[in-house]
Amino acid sequence: MKRFGNLGLAAAALAASAMLVFPASAATAPANPAEEARQASALLRGIGLDAKQIEAHALRIEKLSSSATPAWQACDRQWNEIKPAIEVISMRLRRLDSMQAALPAADRKALRGSRPLFGEIETTTREVRTLLDRNGTITSQSGSVLRQRSQAMAKAARELVRTAG
């Protein structure tokens, strides 16, 4: 039951974030390039902020999985906090892709650099989820792998903050 509560909160956060990413006024293309450049910069800053959030939760998972008796529920709760940020970054990247022709060179470069880092975050997130889905316990072996994957996720998120933020 607790897990569904976290998922409900995650869904609500995702919906609220989507409104920030795609406000009603952004449904139509901005009339001037300066406005589009401003929107692109705001989207990149948002990606950086979401990446900071992912990094913080990944570091918590790393710390939790380093303890003598890792708590599955605590790690799962951290993963549930990461997932909405990943969804929002994905939406922001799609929006930036649609604006790519009008982006300033610096923003295009940041977007190109963000893609592989975001791919690494997505991959490690799936791996962490797979580890957590194994019978609801964390063994010493899976704890070690969980620690490694969360370290990799935190590193990629840190790089994404530098690239996009």
Foldseek 3Di string as FASTA:
>chain_A
DVLVVLLVVLVVLLVVLVCVLCPPVVVDPDPDLVVVQVNLLVLLQLLLVLLVLLLVLLVVLLVQLPDPFRQLVSNSSSLSSNVSSLVSNVSSLVVCVVCVVSYDPLSNQLSVVLVVLSVLLVVLSVVLVVLSPPPNGADNVSSVVSNVSSVSNSVSSVVNSVSRD
